[in-house]
PDB file of N, CA and C in Angstrom:
ATOM      1  N   UNK A   1     -32.264 -14.525  24.869  1.00  0.00           N
ATOM      2  CA  UNK A   1     -32.163 -13.592  23.862  1.00  0.00           C
ATOM      3  C   UNK A   1     -31.113 -12.555  23.941  1.00  0.00           C
ATOM      4  N   UNK A   2     -30.744 -12.258  25.185  1.00  0.00           N
ATOM      5  CA  UNK A   2     -29.569 -11.460  25.560  1.00  0.00           C
ATOM      6  C   UNK A   2     -28.151 -12.009  25.034  1.00  0.00           C
ATOM      7  N   UNK A   3     -28.120 -13.366  25.183  1.00  0.00           N
ATOM      8  CA  UNK A   3     -26.877 -14.021  24.738  1.00  0.00           C
ATOM      9  C   UNK A   3     -26.900 -14.025  23.203  1.00  0.00           C
ATOM     10  N   UNK A   4     -27.894 -14.267  22.484  1.00  0.00           N
ATOM     11  CA  UNK A   4     -27.980 -14.220  21.014  1.00  0.00           C
ATOM     12  C   UNK A   4     -27.571 -12.895  20.541  1.00  0.00           C
ATOM     13  N   UNK A   5     -27.977 -11.799  21.165  1.00  0.00           N
ATOM     14  CA  UNK A   5     -27.601 -10.388  20.649  1.00  0.00           C
ATOM     15  C   UNK A   5     -26.077 -10.140  20.945  1.00  0.00           C
ATOM     16  N   UNK A   6     -25.667 -10.479  22.226  1.00  0.00           N
ATOM     17  CA  UNK A   6     -24.265 -10.386  22.314  1.00  0.00           C
ATOM     18  C   UNK A   6     -23.392 -11.280  21.412  1.00  0.00           C
ATOM     19  N   UNK A   7     -23.870 -12.462  21.213  1.00  0.00           N
ATOM     20  CA  UNK A   7     -23.024 -13.466  20.347  1.00  0.00           C
ATOM     21  C   UNK A   7     -22.965 -12.739  18.762  1.00  0.00           C
ATOM     22  N   UNK A   8     -24.159 -12.232  18.353  1.00  0.00           N
ATOM     23  CA  UNK A   8     -24.237 -11.419  17.026  1.00  0.00           C
ATOM     24  C   UNK A   8     -23.378 -10.274  16.928  1.00  0.00           C
ATOM     25  N   UNK A   9     -23.227  -9.591  18.012  1.00  0.00           N
ATOM     26  CA  UNK A   9     -22.415  -8.376  18.160  1.00  0.00           C
ATOM     27  C   UNK A   9     -20.862  -8.934  18.055  1.00  0.00           C
ATOM     28  N   UNK A  10     -20.619  -9.989  18.677  1.00  0.00           N
ATOM     29  CA  UNK A  10     -19.184 -10.365  18.609  1.00  0.00           C
ATOM     30  C   UNK A  10     -18.663 -10.795  17.273  1.00  0.00           C
ATOM     31  N   UNK A  11     -19.716 -11.574  16.636  1.00  0.00           N
ATOM     32  CA  UNK A  11     -19.467 -12.085  15.224  1.00  0.00           C
ATOM     33  C   UNK A  11     -19.243 -10.884  14.368  1.00  0.00           C
ATOM     34  N   UNK A  12     -20.036  -9.846  14.439  1.00  0.00           N
ATOM     35  CA  UNK A  12     -20.017  -8.559  13.566  1.00  0.00           C
ATOM     36  C   UNK A  12     -18.619  -7.903  13.878  1.00  0.00           C
ATOM     37  N   UNK A  13     -18.170  -7.878  15.057  1.00  0.00           N
ATOM     38  CA  UNK A  13     -16.960  -7.262  15.520  1.00  0.00           C
ATOM     39  C   UNK A  13     -15.736  -7.900  14.662  1.00  0.00           C
ATOM     40  N   UNK A  14     -15.819  -9.354  14.890  1.00  0.00           N
ATOM     41  CA  UNK A  14     -14.653 -10.119  14.271  1.00  0.00           C
ATOM     42  C   UNK A  14     -14.812 -10.034  12.680  1.00  0.00           C
ATOM     43  N   UNK A  15     -15.949  -9.898  12.128  1.00  0.00           N
ATOM     44  CA  UNK A  15     -16.055  -9.921  10.660  1.00  0.00           C
ATOM     45  C   UNK A  15     -15.617  -8.510  10.247  1.00  0.00           C
ATOM     46  N   UNK A  16     -16.005  -7.483  10.829  1.00  0.00           N
ATOM     47  CA  UNK A  16     -15.565  -6.078  10.409  1.00  0.00           C
ATOM     48  C   UNK A  16     -14.103  -5.960  10.706  1.00  0.00           C
ATOM     49  N   UNK A  17     -13.573  -6.632  11.800  1.00  0.00           N
ATOM     50  CA  UNK A  17     -12.093  -6.489  11.997  1.00  0.00           C
ATOM     51  C   UNK A  17     -11.207  -7.050  11.003  1.00  0.00           C
ATOM     52  N   UNK A  18     -11.918  -8.096  10.304  1.00  0.00           N
ATOM     53  CA  UNK A  18     -11.039  -8.691   9.309  1.00  0.00           C
ATOM     54  C   UNK A  18     -11.291  -8.081   7.913  1.00  0.00           C
ATOM     55  N   UNK A  19     -12.591  -7.380   7.692  1.00  0.00           N
ATOM     56  CA  UNK A  19     -12.694  -6.662   6.482  1.00  0.00           C
ATOM     57  C   UNK A  19     -11.971  -5.458   6.405  1.00  0.00           C
ATOM     58  N   UNK A  20     -11.872  -4.611   7.302  1.00  0.00           N
ATOM     59  CA  UNK A  20     -11.139  -3.277   7.166  1.00  0.00           C
ATOM     60  C   UNK A  20      -9.719  -3.473   6.964  1.00  0.00           C
ATOM     61  N   UNK A  21      -8.862  -4.329   7.583  1.00  0.00           N
ATOM     62  CA  UNK A  21      -7.458  -4.491   7.223  1.00  0.00           C
ATOM     63  C   UNK A  21      -7.291  -4.839   5.898  1.00  0.00           C
ATOM     64  N   UNK A  22      -8.216  -5.843   5.347  1.00  0.00           N
ATOM     65  CA  UNK A  22      -7.999  -6.312   4.035  1.00  0.00           C
ATOM     66  C   UNK A  22      -8.222  -5.194   2.963  1.00  0.00           C
ATOM     67  N   UNK A  23      -9.137  -4.312   3.362  1.00  0.00           N
ATOM     68  CA  UNK A  23      -9.391  -3.307   2.283  1.00  0.00           C
ATOM     69  C   UNK A  23      -8.271  -2.276   2.310  1.00  0.00           C
ATOM     70  N   UNK A  24      -7.540  -2.006   3.394  1.00  0.00           N
ATOM     71  CA  UNK A  24      -6.371  -1.270   3.373  1.00  0.00           C
ATOM     72  C   UNK A  24      -5.263  -2.016   2.715  1.00  0.00           C
ATOM     73  N   UNK A  25      -5.156  -3.312   2.792  1.00  0.00           N
ATOM     74  CA  UNK A  25      -4.113  -4.126   2.232  1.00  0.00           C
ATOM     75  C   UNK A  25      -4.166  -4.167   0.802  1.00  0.00           C
ATOM     76  N   UNK A  26      -5.389  -3.960   0.330  1.00  0.00           N
ATOM     77  CA  UNK A  26      -5.575  -4.022  -1.379  1.00  0.00           C
ATOM     78  C   UNK A  26      -4.505  -3.478  -2.054  1.00  0.00           C
ATOM     79  N   UNK A  27      -4.115  -2.272  -1.664  1.00  0.00           N
ATOM     80  CA  UNK A  27      -2.993  -1.490  -2.321  1.00  0.00           C
ATOM     81  C   UNK A  27      -2.375  -0.818  -1.306  1.00  0.00           C
ATOM     82  N   UNK A  28      -1.221  -1.071  -0.848  1.00  0.00           N
ATOM     83  CA  UNK A  28      -0.356  -0.468   0.249  1.00  0.00           C
ATOM     84  C   UNK A  28       0.288   0.846  -0.530  1.00  0.00           C
ATOM     85  N   UNK A  29       0.212   1.179  -1.695  1.00  0.00           N
ATOM     86  CA  UNK A  29       0.762   2.345  -2.396  1.00  0.00           C
ATOM     87  C   UNK A  29      -0.318   3.288  -2.853  1.00  0.00           C
ATOM     88  N   UNK A  30       0.089   4.522  -2.936  1.00  0.00           N
ATOM     89  CA  UNK A  30      -0.782   5.538  -3.165  1.00  0.00           C
ATOM     90  C   UNK A  30      -0.263   6.483  -4.256  1.00  0.00           C
ATOM     91  N   UNK A  31      -1.138   7.140  -5.159  1.00  0.00           N
ATOM     92  CA  UNK A  31      -0.742   8.112  -6.211  1.00  0.00           C
ATOM     93  C   UNK A  31      -0.081   9.214  -5.381  1.00  0.00           C
ATOM     94  N   UNK A  32       1.084   9.603  -5.947  1.00  0.00           N
ATOM     95  CA  UNK A  32       1.882  10.813  -5.434  1.00  0.00           C
ATOM     96  C   UNK A  32       2.863  10.234  -4.336  1.00  0.00           C
ATOM     97  N   UNK A  33       2.935   9.090  -4.047  1.00  0.00           N
ATOM     98  CA  UNK A  33       3.801   8.528  -2.970  1.00  0.00           C
ATOM     99  C   UNK A  33       5.292   8.399  -3.566  1.00  0.00           C
ATOM    100  N   UNK A  34       6.209   8.858  -2.823  1.00  0.00           N
ATOM    101  CA  UNK A  34       7.673   8.754  -3.171  1.00  0.00           C
ATOM    102  C   UNK A  34       8.063   7.296  -3.047  1.00  0.00           C
ATOM    103  N   UNK A  35       9.086   6.900  -4.008  1.00  0.00           N
ATOM    104  CA  UNK A  35       9.473   5.547  -3.913  1.00  0.00           C
ATOM    105  C   UNK A  35      10.837   5.447  -4.533  1.00  0.00           C
ATOM    106  N   UNK A  36      11.368   4.259  -4.466  1.00  0.00           N
ATOM    107  CA  UNK A  36      12.505   3.886  -5.155  1.00  0.00           C
ATOM    108  C   UNK A  36      12.231   2.653  -6.180  1.00  0.00           C
ATOM    109  N   UNK A  37      12.737   2.586  -7.369  1.00  0.00           N
ATOM    110  CA  UNK A  37      12.481   1.689  -8.341  1.00  0.00           C
ATOM    111  C   UNK A  37      13.771   1.083  -8.706  1.00  0.00           C
ATOM    112  N   UNK A  38      13.715  -0.311  -8.707  1.00  0.00           N
ATOM    113  CA  UNK A  38      15.012  -1.028  -9.116  1.00  0.00           C
ATOM    114  C   UNK A  38      14.983  -1.084 -10.649  1.00  0.00           C
ATOM    115  N   UNK A  39      16.142  -0.647 -11.315  1.00  0.00           N
ATOM    116  CA  UNK A  39      16.334  -0.710 -12.707  1.00  0.00           C
ATOM    117  C   UNK A  39      17.776  -1.175 -13.003  1.00  0.00           C
ATOM    118  N   UNK A  40      18.075  -2.279 -13.531  1.00  0.00           N
ATOM    119  CA  UNK A  40      19.412  -2.693 -13.815  1.00  0.00           C
ATOM    120  C   UNK A  40      20.212  -2.774 -12.577  1.00  0.00           C
ATOM    121  N   UNK A  41      19.836  -3.223 -11.473  1.00  0.00           N
ATOM    122  CA  UNK A  41      20.523  -3.257 -10.264  1.00  0.00           C
ATOM    123  C   UNK A  41      20.765  -2.157  -9.433  1.00  0.00           C
ATOM    124  N   UNK A  42      20.104  -1.043  -9.834  1.00  0.00           N
ATOM    125  CA  UNK A  42      20.250   0.312  -9.084  1.00  0.00           C
ATOM    126  C   UNK A  42      18.852   0.742  -8.785  1.00  0.00           C
ATOM    127  N   UNK A  43      18.770   1.372  -7.532  1.00  0.00           N
ATOM    128  CA  UNK A  43      17.661   1.945  -7.101  1.00  0.00           C
ATOM    129  C   UNK A  43      17.371   3.453  -7.331  1.00  0.00           C
ATOM    130  N   UNK A  44      16.448   3.820  -8.155  1.00  0.00           N
ATOM    131  CA  UNK A  44      16.206   5.135  -8.473  1.00  0.00           C
ATOM    132  C   UNK A  44      15.164   5.891  -7.895  1.00  0.00           C
ATOM    133  N   UNK A  45      15.119   7.079  -7.564  1.00  0.00           N
ATOM    134  CA  UNK A  45      13.896   7.819  -6.787  1.00  0.00           C
ATOM    135  C   UNK A  45      12.846   7.964  -7.888  1.00  0.00           C
ATOM    136  N   UNK A  46      11.533   7.723  -7.542  1.00  0.00           N
ATOM    137  CA  UNK A  46      10.445   7.826  -8.427  1.00  0.00           C
ATOM    138  C   UNK A  46       9.163   8.425  -7.718  1.00  0.00           C
ATOM    139  N   UNK A  47       8.199   8.582  -8.462  1.00  0.00           N
ATOM    140  CA  UNK A  47       6.950   8.951  -7.863  1.00  0.00           C
ATOM    141  C   UNK A  47       5.764   8.238  -8.491  1.00  0.00           C
ATOM    142  N   UNK A  48       4.944   7.756  -7.661  1.00  0.00           N
ATOM    143  CA  UNK A  48       3.722   6.959  -8.253  1.00  0.00           C
ATOM    144  C   UNK A  48       2.679   7.673  -8.866  1.00  0.00           C
ATOM    145  N   UNK A  49       2.300   7.322 -10.066  1.00  0.00           N
ATOM    146  CA  UNK A  49       1.209   8.259 -10.834  1.00  0.00           C
ATOM    147  C   UNK A  49      -0.055   7.403 -10.948  1.00  0.00           C
ATOM    148  N   UNK A  50       0.153   6.117 -10.827  1.00  0.00           N
ATOM    149  CA  UNK A  50      -1.026   5.207 -10.830  1.00  0.00           C
ATOM    150  C   UNK A  50      -0.809   3.897 -10.225  1.00  0.00           C
ATOM    151  N   UNK A  51      -1.961   3.343  -9.824  1.00  0.00           N
ATOM    152  CA  UNK A  51      -1.796   2.057  -8.999  1.00  0.00           C
ATOM    153  C   UNK A  51      -2.892   1.032  -9.608  1.00  0.00           C
ATOM    154  N   UNK A  52      -2.447  -0.168  -9.754  1.00  0.00           N
ATOM    155  CA  UNK A  52      -3.492  -1.227  -9.883  1.00  0.00           C
ATOM    156  C   UNK A  52      -3.226  -2.362  -8.939  1.00  0.00           C
ATOM    157  N   UNK A  53      -3.869  -3.464  -9.088  1.00  0.00           N
ATOM    158  CA  UNK A  53      -3.708  -4.506  -8.152  1.00  0.00           C
ATOM    159  C   UNK A  53      -2.330  -4.932  -8.003  1.00  0.00           C
ATOM    160  N   UNK A  54      -1.520  -5.044  -8.822  1.00  0.00           N
ATOM    161  CA  UNK A  54      -0.205  -5.595  -8.685  1.00  0.00           C
ATOM    162  C   UNK A  54       1.032  -4.981  -9.219  1.00  0.00           C
ATOM    163  N   UNK A  55       0.694  -3.582  -9.659  1.00  0.00           N
ATOM    164  CA  UNK A  55       1.825  -2.869 -10.257  1.00  0.00           C
ATOM    165  C   UNK A  55       1.435  -1.395  -9.949  1.00  0.00           C
ATOM    166  N   UNK A  56       2.537  -0.507 -10.141  1.00  0.00           N
ATOM    167  CA  UNK A  56       2.599   0.843  -9.959  1.00  0.00           C
ATOM    168  C   UNK A  56       3.097   1.484 -11.285  1.00  0.00           C
ATOM    169  N   UNK A  57       2.422   2.495 -11.637  1.00  0.00           N
ATOM    170  CA  UNK A  57       2.875   3.310 -12.821  1.00  0.00           C
ATOM    171  C   UNK A  57       3.716   4.512 -12.193  1.00  0.00           C
ATOM    172  N   UNK A  58       4.883   4.625 -12.585  1.00  0.00           N
ATOM    173  CA  UNK A  58       5.782   5.592 -11.948  1.00  0.00           C
ATOM    174  C   UNK A  58       6.522   6.459 -12.922  1.00  0.00           C
ATOM    175  N   UNK A  59       6.909   7.574 -12.393  1.00  0.00           N
ATOM    176  CA  UNK A  59       7.763   8.467 -13.213  1.00  0.00           C
ATOM    177  C   UNK A  59       9.073   8.584 -12.345  1.00  0.00           C
ATOM    178  N   UNK A  60      10.199   8.461 -13.000  1.00  0.00           N
ATOM    179  CA  UNK A  60      11.494   8.606 -12.385  1.00  0.00           C
ATOM    180  C   UNK A  60      11.830  10.156 -12.232  1.00  0.00           C
ATOM    181  N   UNK A  61      12.128  10.352 -10.902  1.00  0.00           N
ATOM    182  CA  UNK A  61      12.345  11.894 -10.667  1.00  0.00           C
ATOM    183  C   UNK A  61      13.591  12.225 -11.473  1.00  0.00           C
ATOM    184  N   UNK A  62      13.534  13.477 -12.138  1.00  0.00           N
ATOM    185  CA  UNK A  62      14.504  13.918 -12.740  1.00  0.00           C
ATOM    186  C   UNK A  62      14.676  13.597 -14.336  1.00  0.00           C
ATOM    187  N   UNK A  63      13.843  12.533 -14.655  1.00  0.00           N
ATOM    188  CA  UNK A  63      13.711  12.024 -16.085  1.00  0.00           C
ATOM    189  C   UNK A  63      12.498  12.468 -16.728  1.00  0.00           C
ATOM    190  N   UNK A  64      12.433  12.503 -18.009  1.00  0.00           N
ATOM    191  CA  UNK A  64      11.249  12.895 -18.754  1.00  0.00           C
ATOM    192  C   UNK A  64      10.259  11.611 -18.854  1.00  0.00           C
ATOM    193  N   UNK A  65       9.035  12.095 -19.273  1.00  0.00           N
ATOM    194  CA  UNK A  65       7.981  11.179 -19.215  1.00  0.00           C
ATOM    195  C   UNK A  65       8.140   9.946 -20.181  1.00  0.00           C
ATOM    196  N   UNK A  66       9.028  10.079 -21.083  1.00  0.00           N
ATOM    197  CA  UNK A  66       9.342   8.700 -21.956  1.00  0.00           C
ATOM    198  C   UNK A  66       9.809   7.563 -21.056  1.00  0.00           C
ATOM    199  N   UNK A  67      10.444   7.883 -19.911  1.00  0.00           N
ATOM    200  CA  UNK A  67      10.964   6.809 -19.214  1.00  0.00           C
ATOM    201  C   UNK A  67       9.790   6.089 -18.188  1.00  0.00           C
ATOM    202  N   UNK A  68       8.614   6.703 -18.009  1.00  0.00           N
ATOM    203  CA  UNK A  68       7.580   6.287 -17.256  1.00  0.00           C
ATOM    204  C   UNK A  68       7.186   4.857 -17.499  1.00  0.00           C
ATOM    205  N   UNK A  69       7.023   4.076 -16.535  1.00  0.00           N
ATOM    206  CA  UNK A  69       6.639   2.650 -16.737  1.00  0.00           C
ATOM    207  C   UNK A  69       5.760   2.074 -15.606  1.00  0.00           C
ATOM    208  N   UNK A  70       5.034   0.892 -15.933  1.00  0.00           N
ATOM    209  CA  UNK A  70       4.570   0.142 -15.091  1.00  0.00           C
ATOM    210  C   UNK A  70       5.575  -0.735 -14.396  1.00  0.00           C
ATOM    211  N   UNK A  71       5.665  -0.860 -13.010  1.00  0.00           N
ATOM    212  CA  UNK A  71       6.543  -1.731 -12.536  1.00  0.00           C
ATOM    213  C   UNK A  71       5.875  -2.599 -11.541  1.00  0.00           C
ATOM    214  N   UNK A  72       6.310  -3.984 -11.289  1.00  0.00           N
ATOM    215  CA  UNK A  72       5.836  -4.858 -10.340  1.00  0.00           C
ATOM    216  C   UNK A  72       6.412  -4.432  -8.879  1.00  0.00           C
ATOM    217  N   UNK A  73       5.671  -4.865  -8.005  1.00  0.00           N
ATOM    218  CA  UNK A  73       6.067  -4.536  -6.590  1.00  0.00           C
ATOM    219  C   UNK A  73       7.378  -5.062  -6.217  1.00  0.00           C
ATOM    220  N   UNK A  74       7.842  -6.139  -6.990  1.00  0.00           N
ATOM    221  CA  UNK A  74       9.272  -6.575  -6.636  1.00  0.00           C
ATOM    222  C   UNK A  74      10.298  -5.783  -6.905  1.00  0.00           C
ATOM    223  N   UNK A  75      10.119  -4.773  -7.868  1.00  0.00           N
ATOM    224  CA  UNK A  75      11.021  -3.608  -8.249  1.00  0.00           C
ATOM    225  C   UNK A  75      10.685  -2.375  -7.534  1.00  0.00           C
ATOM    226  N   UNK A  76       9.733  -2.290  -6.655  1.00  0.00           N
ATOM    227  CA  UNK A  76       9.442  -1.144  -5.959  1.00  0.00           C
ATOM    228  C   UNK A  76       9.544  -1.100  -4.509  1.00  0.00           C
ATOM    229  N   UNK A  77      10.038  -0.025  -3.942  1.00  0.00           N
ATOM    230  CA  UNK A  77      10.176   0.072  -2.415  1.00  0.00           C
ATOM    231  C   UNK A  77       9.921   1.434  -2.101  1.00  0.00           C
ATOM    232  N   UNK A  78       9.121   1.485  -1.034  1.00  0.00           N
ATOM    233  CA  UNK A  78       8.753   2.800  -0.526  1.00  0.00           C
ATOM    234  C   UNK A  78       9.884   3.645  -0.016  1.00  0.00           C
ATOM    235  N   UNK A  79       9.995   4.791   0.127  1.00  0.00           N
ATOM    236  CA  UNK A  79      10.988   5.557   0.566  1.00  0.00           C
ATOM    237  C   UNK A  79      10.155   6.630   1.530  1.00  0.00           C
ATOM    238  N   UNK A  80      10.822   6.900   2.691  1.00  0.00           N
ATOM    239  CA  UNK A  80       9.968   7.711   3.825  1.00  0.00           C
ATOM    240  C   UNK A  80      10.977   8.824   4.159  1.00  0.00           C
ATOM    241  N   UNK A  81      10.395   9.908   4.623  1.00  0.00           N
ATOM    242  CA  UNK A  81      11.208  10.832   5.369  1.00  0.00           C
ATOM    243  C   UNK A  81      10.658  11.087   6.750  1.00  0.00           C
ATOM    244  N   UNK A  82      11.486  11.698   7.569  1.00  0.00           N
ATOM    245  CA  UNK A  82      10.887  12.004   8.967  1.00  0.00           C
ATOM    246  C   UNK A  82       9.621  12.712   8.925  1.00  0.00           C
ATOM    247  N   UNK A  83       8.662  12.295   9.708  1.00  0.00           N
ATOM    248  CA  UNK A  83       7.354  12.909   9.737  1.00  0.00           C
ATOM    249  C   UNK A  83       6.374  12.417   8.738  1.00  0.00           C
ATOM    250  N   UNK A  84       6.550  11.558   7.814  1.00  0.00           N
ATOM    251  CA  UNK A  84       5.823  10.930   6.947  1.00  0.00           C
ATOM    252  C   UNK A  84       4.657  10.062   7.707  1.00  0.00           C
ATOM    253  N   UNK A  85       3.442  10.133   7.351  1.00  0.00           N
ATOM    254  CA  UNK A  85       2.513   9.260   7.914  1.00  0.00           C
ATOM    255  C   UNK A  85       2.536   7.701   7.043  1.00  0.00           C
ATOM    256  N   UNK A  86       2.624   6.716   7.864  1.00  0.00           N
ATOM    257  CA  UNK A  86       2.656   5.487   7.225  1.00  0.00           C
ATOM    258  C   UNK A  86       1.690   4.500   7.869  1.00  0.00           C
ATOM    259  N   UNK A  87       1.338   3.421   7.105  1.00  0.00           N
ATOM    260  CA  UNK A  87       0.380   2.283   7.653  1.00  0.00           C
ATOM    261  C   UNK A  87       1.411   1.114   7.886  1.00  0.00           C
ATOM    262  N   UNK A  88       1.237   0.512   8.970  1.00  0.00           N
ATOM    263  CA  UNK A  88       2.003  -0.626   9.378  1.00  0.00           C
ATOM    264  C   UNK A  88       1.092  -1.819   9.609  1.00  0.00           C
ATOM    265  N   UNK A  89       1.448  -3.128   8.959  1.00  0.00           N
ATOM    266  CA  UNK A  89       0.659  -4.161   9.441  1.00  0.00           C
ATOM    267  C   UNK A  89       1.478  -5.075  10.462  1.00  0.00           C
ATOM    268  N   UNK A  90       0.952  -5.149  11.581  1.00  0.00           N
ATOM    269  CA  UNK A  90       1.496  -5.866  12.655  1.00  0.00           C
ATOM    270  C   UNK A  90       0.526  -6.894  13.253  1.00  0.00           C
ATOM    271  N   UNK A  91       0.956  -8.162  13.087  1.00  0.00           N
ATOM    272  CA  UNK A  91       0.139  -9.216  13.716  1.00  0.00           C
ATOM    273  C   UNK A  91      -1.264  -9.305  13.127  1.00  0.00           C
ATOM    274  N   UNK A  92      -1.385  -9.008  11.761  1.00  0.00           N
ATOM    275  CA  UNK A  92      -2.534  -9.104  11.016  1.00  0.00           C
ATOM    276  C   UNK A  92      -3.408  -7.727  11.263  1.00  0.00           C
ATOM    277  N   UNK A  93      -3.113  -6.844  11.929  1.00  0.00           N
ATOM    278  CA  UNK A  93      -3.909  -5.499  12.060  1.00  0.00           C
ATOM    279  C   UNK A  93      -3.114  -4.466  11.476  1.00  0.00           C
ATOM    280  N   UNK A  94      -3.876  -3.518  10.603  1.00  0.00           N
ATOM    281  CA  UNK A  94      -3.142  -2.391  10.189  1.00  0.00           C
ATOM    282  C   UNK A  94      -3.148  -1.126  11.193  1.00  0.00           C
ATOM    283  N   UNK A  95      -2.184  -0.583  11.380  1.00  0.00           N
ATOM    284  CA  UNK A  95      -2.019   0.680  12.345  1.00  0.00           C
ATOM    285  C   UNK A  95      -1.603   1.855  11.467  1.00  0.00           C
TER     286      UNK A  95
END
């Protein structure tokens, strides 16, 4: 009986260990996050207004809302400043 309980605990740990990182990985971007967006071969500073599974709705910093748009992640890169908190995926684990 003791071996079955230990085995069940190990299975649960392995399952939860794979569930939590995938939940964080669902969208690595967040509303309010600063970013850069590629437009006509130039990167422009932007802020994320909304996020869905495969796109971000952004506003370009310094431009009016008529320029806001949904962009795919291929045109999007995060920008960071010293002291910002970040999540890093390393060897399949989010830190």
